Amino acid sequence: MKLKQLVVALTAVALSSGALAQVKPEQQIKWRQSVMQVQGWSMARIKANIEGTYNKDQVVQSANILQATANGGLGSLFPAGTEKGKGWHDTEAKPEMFTDGDKVKEVAGAFNKEANELAKVAASGDAAAVKAQFGKVGQACKGCHDKFRVEDKK
């Protein structure tokens, strides 16, 4: 089974049958933060390949992870009751993430679209096309961060 399929399957299992309703908010925040860390790691891997020696396999793997998480029901990681609290660290989600449903759908849709396209482009092996599409994914990430993420207080 491909990594992408495995991630999607595991996410579906975790989100099914009201599984999240039985989990403490702190654990839900940890899951959310963990997914964001995996996405950040995947973006960093692609960036390193674009800026250094290009390894198509690494780029494809990372793009597939981004695609899987983008399509894996990220919205379910932001249930009511998790707008405040601590997972691995204090939540960085702004309260607007839980109240501005239309904007959330807009930025999530942009991320899904661009992550799906990145996975397609990465499979082609065209480093220049990957670099261009990677920029679009980064802009989609920024669109969400600008609106819904508390800036790092460190």
N, C-alpha and C. Protein backbone atom coordinates (compact mmCIF):
# COMPACT_ATOMS: atom_id res chain seq x y z
N MET A 1 0.84 -1.18 0.00
CA MET A 1 0.00 0.00 0.00
C MET A 1 0.89 1.24 0.00
N LYS A 2 0.60 2.20 -0.86
CA LYS A 2 1.35 3.44 -0.92
C LYS A 2 1.16 4.22 0.38
N LEU A 3 2.15 5.02 0.71
CA LEU A 3 2.09 5.84 1.92
C LEU A 3 0.86 6.73 1.90
N LYS A 4 0.58 7.34 0.77
CA LYS A 4 -0.57 8.24 0.65
C LYS A 4 -1.86 7.49 0.98
N GLN A 5 -2.02 6.30 0.44
CA GLN A 5 -3.22 5.52 0.69
C GLN A 5 -3.31 5.14 2.17
N LEU A 6 -2.18 4.82 2.76
CA LEU A 6 -2.15 4.45 4.16
C LEU A 6 -2.57 5.62 5.04
N VAL A 7 -2.03 6.81 4.76
CA VAL A 7 -2.37 7.99 5.55
C VAL A 7 -3.86 8.31 5.43
N VAL A 8 -4.38 8.25 4.21
CA VAL A 8 -5.80 8.53 4.01
C VAL A 8 -6.66 7.49 4.74
N ALA A 9 -6.28 6.23 4.64
CA ALA A 9 -7.05 5.17 5.31
C ALA A 9 -7.03 5.34 6.82
N LEU A 10 -5.88 5.63 7.38
CA LEU A 10 -5.78 5.80 8.83
C LEU A 10 -6.57 7.03 9.29
N THR A 11 -6.51 8.09 8.51
CA THR A 11 -7.28 9.29 8.85
C THR A 11 -8.77 9.00 8.81
N ALA A 12 -9.21 8.29 7.79
CA ALA A 12 -10.63 7.95 7.68
C ALA A 12 -11.10 7.11 8.85
N VAL A 13 -10.27 6.17 9.26
CA VAL A 13 -10.63 5.33 10.41
C VAL A 13 -10.73 6.17 11.67
N ALA A 14 -9.77 7.06 11.85
CA ALA A 14 -9.76 7.90 13.06
C ALA A 14 -10.95 8.83 13.10
N LEU A 15 -11.40 9.29 11.94
CA LEU A 15 -12.49 10.25 11.89
C LEU A 15 -13.87 9.60 11.85
N SER A 16 -13.93 8.31 11.63
CA SER A 16 -15.21 7.64 11.49
C SER A 16 -15.83 7.30 12.83
N SER A 17 -17.09 7.02 12.81
CA SER A 17 -17.85 6.53 13.97
C SER A 17 -17.74 7.44 15.18
N GLY A 18 -17.62 8.72 14.94
CA GLY A 18 -17.58 9.65 16.06
C GLY A 18 -16.36 9.48 16.95
N ALA A 19 -15.29 8.91 16.41
CA ALA A 19 -14.10 8.65 17.22
C ALA A 19 -13.57 9.91 17.88
N LEU A 20 -13.62 11.04 17.18
CA LEU A 20 -13.08 12.27 17.75
C LEU A 20 -13.93 12.80 18.89
N ALA A 21 -15.23 12.48 18.89
CA ALA A 21 -16.10 12.97 19.95
C ALA A 21 -15.72 12.39 21.30
N GLN A 22 -15.02 11.29 21.33
CA GLN A 22 -14.66 10.62 22.56
C GLN A 22 -13.25 10.99 23.04
N VAL A 23 -12.61 11.89 22.34
CA VAL A 23 -11.23 12.23 22.63
C VAL A 23 -11.18 13.60 23.32
N LYS A 24 -10.30 13.71 24.30
CA LYS A 24 -10.14 14.97 25.02
C LYS A 24 -9.62 16.06 24.07
N PRO A 25 -10.03 17.31 24.30
CA PRO A 25 -9.55 18.40 23.44
C PRO A 25 -8.04 18.48 23.34
N GLU A 26 -7.34 18.21 24.44
CA GLU A 26 -5.88 18.28 24.42
C GLU A 26 -5.30 17.28 23.41
N GLN A 27 -5.90 16.11 23.32
CA GLN A 27 -5.42 15.12 22.36
C GLN A 27 -5.73 15.55 20.94
N GLN A 28 -6.90 16.12 20.73
CA GLN A 28 -7.25 16.61 19.39
C GLN A 28 -6.29 17.71 18.95
N ILE A 29 -5.92 18.58 19.89
CA ILE A 29 -4.96 19.64 19.56
C ILE A 29 -3.61 19.02 19.22
N LYS A 30 -3.19 18.00 19.94
CA LYS A 30 -1.93 17.31 19.63
C LYS A 30 -1.97 16.73 18.22
N TRP A 31 -3.08 16.09 17.87
CA TRP A 31 -3.18 15.51 16.53
C TRP A 31 -3.07 16.61 15.47
N ARG A 32 -3.78 17.70 15.69
CA ARG A 32 -3.76 18.82 14.75
C ARG A 32 -2.33 19.35 14.61
N GLN A 33 -1.67 19.56 15.73
CA GLN A 33 -0.31 20.08 15.70
C GLN A 33 0.64 19.08 15.03
N SER A 34 0.40 17.81 15.23
CA SER A 34 1.25 16.79 14.61
C SER A 34 1.09 16.80 13.09
N VAL A 35 -0.14 16.92 12.61
CA VAL A 35 -0.37 16.99 11.16
C VAL A 35 0.33 18.21 10.58
N MET A 36 0.24 19.33 11.28
CA MET A 36 0.89 20.55 10.79
C MET A 36 2.41 20.38 10.76
N GLN A 37 2.97 19.68 11.72
CA GLN A 37 4.41 19.41 11.73
C GLN A 37 4.80 18.53 10.53
N VAL A 38 4.00 17.53 10.25
CA VAL A 38 4.27 16.65 9.11
C VAL A 38 4.19 17.45 7.81
N GLN A 39 3.22 18.33 7.72
CA GLN A 39 3.11 19.17 6.53
C GLN A 39 4.33 20.08 6.40
N GLY A 40 4.75 20.67 7.52
CA GLY A 40 5.93 21.54 7.50
C GLY A 40 7.18 20.78 7.09
N TRP A 41 7.32 19.56 7.61
CA TRP A 41 8.46 18.72 7.24
C TRP A 41 8.44 18.40 5.74
N SER A 42 7.26 18.09 5.24
CA SER A 42 7.13 17.78 3.81
C SER A 42 7.48 18.99 2.95
N MET A 43 7.01 20.16 3.35
CA MET A 43 7.33 21.38 2.61
C MET A 43 8.85 21.64 2.65
N ALA A 44 9.46 21.45 3.82
CA ALA A 44 10.89 21.67 3.96
C ALA A 44 11.69 20.71 3.08
N ARG A 45 11.24 19.48 2.99
CA ARG A 45 11.93 18.50 2.13
C ARG A 45 11.86 18.90 0.66
N ILE A 46 10.69 19.35 0.23
CA ILE A 46 10.56 19.78 -1.16
C ILE A 46 11.44 21.00 -1.41
N LYS A 47 11.40 21.95 -0.50
CA LYS A 47 12.20 23.16 -0.65
C LYS A 47 13.69 22.82 -0.75
N ALA A 48 14.15 21.91 0.09
CA ALA A 48 15.56 21.50 0.06
C ALA A 48 15.92 20.90 -1.29
N ASN A 49 15.02 20.16 -1.87
CA ASN A 49 15.28 19.56 -3.19
C ASN A 49 15.27 20.61 -4.29
N ILE A 50 14.40 21.58 -4.18
CA ILE A 50 14.34 22.64 -5.19
C ILE A 50 15.60 23.49 -5.13
N GLU A 51 16.07 23.75 -3.92
CA GLU A 51 17.23 24.63 -3.75
C GLU A 51 18.56 23.90 -3.86
N GLY A 52 18.53 22.57 -3.73
CA GLY A 52 19.77 21.79 -3.77
C GLY A 52 19.73 20.77 -4.88
N THR A 53 20.24 19.59 -4.56
CA THR A 53 20.23 18.48 -5.51
C THR A 53 18.83 17.90 -5.55
N TYR A 54 18.24 17.89 -6.72
CA TYR A 54 16.85 17.45 -6.88
C TYR A 54 16.75 15.93 -6.87
N ASN A 55 15.93 15.42 -5.96
CA ASN A 55 15.68 13.99 -5.88
C ASN A 55 14.19 13.76 -6.09
N LYS A 56 13.84 13.30 -7.27
CA LYS A 56 12.43 13.15 -7.63
C LYS A 56 11.68 12.29 -6.61
N ASP A 57 12.27 11.19 -6.15
CA ASP A 57 11.57 10.30 -5.22
C ASP A 57 11.21 11.01 -3.93
N GLN A 58 12.13 11.80 -3.39
CA GLN A 58 11.84 12.53 -2.15
C GLN A 58 10.73 13.56 -2.37
N VAL A 59 10.77 14.23 -3.50
CA VAL A 59 9.75 15.23 -3.81
C VAL A 59 8.38 14.57 -3.96
N VAL A 60 8.33 13.46 -4.67
CA VAL A 60 7.07 12.74 -4.85
C VAL A 60 6.52 12.28 -3.50
N GLN A 61 7.38 11.72 -2.67
CA GLN A 61 6.94 11.26 -1.35
C GLN A 61 6.35 12.42 -0.54
N SER A 62 7.04 13.52 -0.51
CA SER A 62 6.58 14.66 0.27
C SER A 62 5.31 15.26 -0.32
N ALA A 63 5.23 15.35 -1.63
CA ALA A 63 4.03 15.88 -2.27
C ALA A 63 2.83 14.96 -2.00
N ASN A 64 3.06 13.66 -1.99
CA ASN A 64 1.98 12.72 -1.70
C ASN A 64 1.48 12.86 -0.25
N ILE A 65 2.40 13.13 0.67
CA ILE A 65 2.00 13.35 2.06
C ILE A 65 1.15 14.61 2.16
N LEU A 66 1.57 15.67 1.49
CA LEU A 66 0.78 16.90 1.50
C LEU A 66 -0.61 16.67 0.90
N GLN A 67 -0.66 15.94 -0.19
CA GLN A 67 -1.94 15.65 -0.82
C GLN A 67 -2.83 14.83 0.12
N ALA A 68 -2.26 13.84 0.75
CA ALA A 68 -3.06 12.98 1.65
C ALA A 68 -3.59 13.77 2.83
N THR A 69 -2.77 14.61 3.43
CA THR A 69 -3.25 15.38 4.58
C THR A 69 -4.26 16.44 4.14
N ALA A 70 -4.04 17.02 2.97
CA ALA A 70 -4.98 18.02 2.47
C ALA A 70 -6.37 17.42 2.23
N ASN A 71 -6.39 16.18 1.81
CA ASN A 71 -7.66 15.53 1.47
C ASN A 71 -8.17 14.60 2.57
N GLY A 72 -7.49 14.61 3.71
CA GLY A 72 -7.81 13.67 4.79
C GLY A 72 -8.77 14.19 5.83
N GLY A 73 -9.45 15.27 5.58
CA GLY A 73 -10.42 15.76 6.54
C GLY A 73 -9.82 16.65 7.61
N LEU A 74 -8.95 17.57 7.21
CA LEU A 74 -8.30 18.47 8.17
C LEU A 74 -9.30 19.23 9.03
N GLY A 75 -10.45 19.56 8.48
CA GLY A 75 -11.45 20.30 9.24
C GLY A 75 -11.88 19.58 10.50
N SER A 76 -11.81 18.27 10.48
CA SER A 76 -12.19 17.48 11.65
C SER A 76 -11.20 17.65 12.80
N LEU A 77 -10.05 18.22 12.51
CA LEU A 77 -9.06 18.45 13.56
C LEU A 77 -9.28 19.77 14.30
N PHE A 78 -10.34 20.48 13.94
CA PHE A 78 -10.67 21.76 14.55
C PHE A 78 -12.08 21.75 15.16
N PRO A 79 -12.40 20.76 15.99
CA PRO A 79 -13.75 20.72 16.55
C PRO A 79 -13.94 21.78 17.63
N ALA A 80 -15.18 22.14 17.87
CA ALA A 80 -15.50 23.06 18.96
C ALA A 80 -14.89 22.52 20.25
N GLY A 81 -14.38 23.43 21.05
CA GLY A 81 -13.75 23.04 22.29
C GLY A 81 -12.24 22.97 22.19
N THR A 82 -11.70 23.12 20.96
CA THR A 82 -10.24 23.08 20.81
C THR A 82 -9.69 24.43 20.37
N GLU A 83 -10.51 25.47 20.47
CA GLU A 83 -10.02 26.80 20.09
C GLU A 83 -9.06 27.37 21.13
N LYS A 84 -9.08 26.83 22.32
CA LYS A 84 -8.14 27.19 23.38
C LYS A 84 -7.61 25.90 23.97
N GLY A 85 -6.42 25.96 24.49
CA GLY A 85 -5.88 24.78 25.14
C GLY A 85 -4.48 24.47 24.68
N LYS A 86 -4.00 23.36 25.18
CA LYS A 86 -2.61 22.98 24.92
C LYS A 86 -2.58 21.55 24.44
N GLY A 87 -1.85 21.34 23.36
CA GLY A 87 -1.54 20.01 22.88
C GLY A 87 -0.09 19.76 23.23
N TRP A 88 0.76 19.73 22.21
CA TRP A 88 2.21 19.68 22.46
C TRP A 88 2.66 21.04 22.98
N HIS A 89 1.93 22.08 22.59
CA HIS A 89 2.16 23.46 23.03
C HIS A 89 0.81 24.15 22.92
N ASP A 90 0.72 25.41 23.32
CA ASP A 90 -0.54 26.14 23.21
C ASP A 90 -1.02 26.12 21.77
N THR A 91 -2.32 26.03 21.59
CA THR A 91 -2.85 26.04 20.24
C THR A 91 -2.52 27.37 19.56
N GLU A 92 -2.27 27.30 18.28
CA GLU A 92 -1.97 28.49 17.49
C GLU A 92 -3.15 28.88 16.60
N ALA A 93 -4.27 28.19 16.77
CA ALA A 93 -5.45 28.50 15.97
C ALA A 93 -6.16 29.71 16.58
N LYS A 94 -6.45 30.69 15.73
CA LYS A 94 -7.20 31.87 16.18
C LYS A 94 -8.66 31.48 16.35
N PRO A 95 -9.39 32.21 17.19
CA PRO A 95 -10.82 31.92 17.37
C PRO A 95 -11.61 31.97 16.06
N GLU A 96 -11.17 32.80 15.12
CA GLU A 96 -11.87 32.92 13.83
C GLU A 96 -11.91 31.59 13.07
N MET A 97 -10.97 30.71 13.35
CA MET A 97 -10.94 29.40 12.69
C MET A 97 -12.22 28.63 13.00
N PHE A 98 -12.82 28.93 14.11
CA PHE A 98 -13.99 28.19 14.58
C PHE A 98 -15.30 28.93 14.32
N THR A 99 -15.19 30.15 13.77
CA THR A 99 -16.41 30.94 13.56
C THR A 99 -16.60 31.41 12.12
N ASP A 100 -15.55 31.46 11.33
CA ASP A 100 -15.63 31.98 9.96
C ASP A 100 -15.61 30.83 8.96
N GLY A 101 -16.69 30.06 8.96
CA GLY A 101 -16.77 28.86 8.14
C GLY A 101 -16.56 29.08 6.66
N ASP A 102 -17.07 30.18 6.13
CA ASP A 102 -16.91 30.43 4.70
C ASP A 102 -15.45 30.65 4.32
N LYS A 103 -14.74 31.41 5.12
CA LYS A 103 -13.33 31.67 4.83
C LYS A 103 -12.50 30.40 5.04
N VAL A 104 -12.85 29.61 6.05
CA VAL A 104 -12.15 28.34 6.29
C VAL A 104 -12.30 27.44 5.06
N LYS A 105 -13.52 27.34 4.55
CA LYS A 105 -13.75 26.51 3.35
C LYS A 105 -12.94 27.03 2.17
N GLU A 106 -12.86 28.34 2.04
CA GLU A 106 -12.12 28.94 0.93
C GLU A 106 -10.63 28.60 1.01
N VAL A 107 -10.03 28.81 2.18
CA VAL A 107 -8.59 28.55 2.29
C VAL A 107 -8.29 27.05 2.25
N ALA A 108 -9.17 26.25 2.82
CA ALA A 108 -8.98 24.79 2.76
C ALA A 108 -9.09 24.29 1.33
N GLY A 109 -10.05 24.83 0.60
CA GLY A 109 -10.22 24.45 -0.81
C GLY A 109 -9.00 24.82 -1.64
N ALA A 110 -8.42 25.97 -1.36
CA ALA A 110 -7.21 26.39 -2.08
C ALA A 110 -6.05 25.44 -1.78
N PHE A 111 -5.90 25.07 -0.51
CA PHE A 111 -4.83 24.15 -0.15
C PHE A 111 -5.04 22.79 -0.81
N ASN A 112 -6.25 22.28 -0.78
CA ASN A 112 -6.54 20.99 -1.42
C ASN A 112 -6.18 21.03 -2.90
N LYS A 113 -6.64 22.08 -3.58
CA LYS A 113 -6.41 22.21 -5.02
C LYS A 113 -4.91 22.23 -5.33
N GLU A 114 -4.19 23.06 -4.61
CA GLU A 114 -2.76 23.21 -4.90
C GLU A 114 -1.95 21.98 -4.49
N ALA A 115 -2.32 21.34 -3.38
CA ALA A 115 -1.62 20.11 -2.97
C ALA A 115 -1.87 18.98 -3.96
N ASN A 116 -3.10 18.87 -4.46
CA ASN A 116 -3.41 17.85 -5.47
C ASN A 116 -2.60 18.08 -6.74
N GLU A 117 -2.51 19.33 -7.14
CA GLU A 117 -1.74 19.65 -8.35
C GLU A 117 -0.24 19.39 -8.13
N LEU A 118 0.26 19.70 -6.93
CA LEU A 118 1.67 19.44 -6.64
C LEU A 118 2.00 17.96 -6.77
N ALA A 119 1.12 17.11 -6.27
CA ALA A 119 1.36 15.66 -6.38
C ALA A 119 1.45 15.24 -7.86
N LYS A 120 0.60 15.80 -8.69
CA LYS A 120 0.63 15.49 -10.13
C LYS A 120 1.93 15.99 -10.76
N VAL A 121 2.28 17.21 -10.46
CA VAL A 121 3.48 17.81 -11.04
C VAL A 121 4.74 17.09 -10.56
N ALA A 122 4.78 16.73 -9.29
CA ALA A 122 5.95 16.03 -8.74
C ALA A 122 6.17 14.71 -9.46
N ALA A 123 5.10 14.03 -9.79
CA ALA A 123 5.22 12.74 -10.48
C ALA A 123 5.86 12.89 -11.85
N SER A 124 5.75 14.07 -12.45
CA SER A 124 6.34 14.30 -13.77
C SER A 124 7.86 14.38 -13.71
N GLY A 125 8.40 14.76 -12.55
CA GLY A 125 9.84 14.89 -12.42
C GLY A 125 10.41 16.20 -12.93
N ASP A 126 9.55 17.10 -13.37
CA ASP A 126 9.98 18.39 -13.91
C ASP A 126 10.25 19.35 -12.74
N ALA A 127 11.52 19.54 -12.42
CA ALA A 127 11.91 20.34 -11.26
C ALA A 127 11.41 21.78 -11.35
N ALA A 128 11.45 22.38 -12.52
CA ALA A 128 10.98 23.76 -12.69
C ALA A 128 9.48 23.86 -12.44
N ALA A 129 8.72 22.89 -12.93
CA ALA A 129 7.27 22.88 -12.71
C ALA A 129 6.96 22.65 -11.23
N VAL A 130 7.74 21.79 -10.58
CA VAL A 130 7.56 21.55 -9.14
C VAL A 130 7.81 22.83 -8.38
N LYS A 131 8.87 23.54 -8.74
CA LYS A 131 9.19 24.80 -8.05
C LYS A 131 8.04 25.79 -8.17
N ALA A 132 7.47 25.91 -9.36
CA ALA A 132 6.36 26.84 -9.58
C ALA A 132 5.14 26.42 -8.76
N GLN A 133 4.82 25.14 -8.78
CA GLN A 133 3.64 24.66 -8.06
C GLN A 133 3.88 24.71 -6.54
N PHE A 134 5.09 24.46 -6.10
CA PHE A 134 5.45 24.55 -4.69
C PHE A 134 5.15 25.96 -4.18
N GLY A 135 5.44 26.96 -4.99
CA GLY A 135 5.13 28.34 -4.62
C GLY A 135 3.64 28.55 -4.41
N LYS A 136 2.84 27.91 -5.25
CA LYS A 136 1.38 28.03 -5.11
C LYS A 136 0.89 27.34 -3.84
N VAL A 137 1.48 26.20 -3.50
CA VAL A 137 1.12 25.53 -2.24
C VAL A 137 1.50 26.42 -1.07
N GLY A 138 2.68 27.01 -1.13
CA GLY A 138 3.11 27.91 -0.07
C GLY A 138 2.18 29.09 0.10
N GLN A 139 1.68 29.62 -1.00
CA GLN A 139 0.72 30.73 -0.91
C GLN A 139 -0.60 30.27 -0.29
N ALA A 140 -1.01 29.06 -0.61
CA ALA A 140 -2.23 28.51 0.00
C ALA A 140 -2.04 28.35 1.51
N CYS A 141 -0.88 27.87 1.91
CA CYS A 141 -0.57 27.74 3.35
C CYS A 141 -0.61 29.11 4.01
N LYS A 142 0.03 30.08 3.36
CA LYS A 142 0.10 31.43 3.90
C LYS A 142 -1.30 32.03 4.04
N GLY A 143 -2.18 31.74 3.10
CA GLY A 143 -3.54 32.27 3.17
C GLY A 143 -4.26 31.83 4.43
N CYS A 144 -4.02 30.60 4.83
CA CYS A 144 -4.63 30.09 6.06
C CYS A 144 -3.91 30.66 7.28
N HIS A 145 -2.59 30.63 7.26
CA HIS A 145 -1.82 31.12 8.40
C HIS A 145 -2.11 32.59 8.68
N ASP A 146 -2.18 33.40 7.62
CA ASP A 146 -2.43 34.83 7.80
C ASP A 146 -3.77 35.09 8.49
N LYS A 147 -4.76 34.32 8.15
CA LYS A 147 -6.11 34.54 8.68
C LYS A 147 -6.35 33.80 10.00
N PHE A 148 -5.82 32.60 10.14
CA PHE A 148 -6.25 31.73 11.24
C PHE A 148 -5.17 31.25 12.20
N ARG A 149 -3.95 31.71 12.04
CA ARG A 149 -2.88 31.22 12.92
C ARG A 149 -2.30 32.37 13.75
N VAL A 150 -2.19 32.14 15.04
CA VAL A 150 -1.55 33.08 15.93
C VAL A 150 -0.05 33.05 15.62
N GLU A 151 0.54 34.20 15.45
CA GLU A 151 1.98 34.24 15.17
C GLU A 151 2.76 33.70 16.35
N ASP A 152 3.89 33.10 16.06
CA ASP A 152 4.76 32.52 17.07
C ASP A 152 5.14 33.59 18.09
N LYS A 153 4.95 33.24 19.34
CA LYS A 153 5.21 34.18 20.43
C LYS A 153 6.63 34.07 20.97
N LYS A 154 7.43 33.19 20.39
CA LYS A 154 8.79 32.96 20.89
C LYS A 154 9.73 34.08 20.56
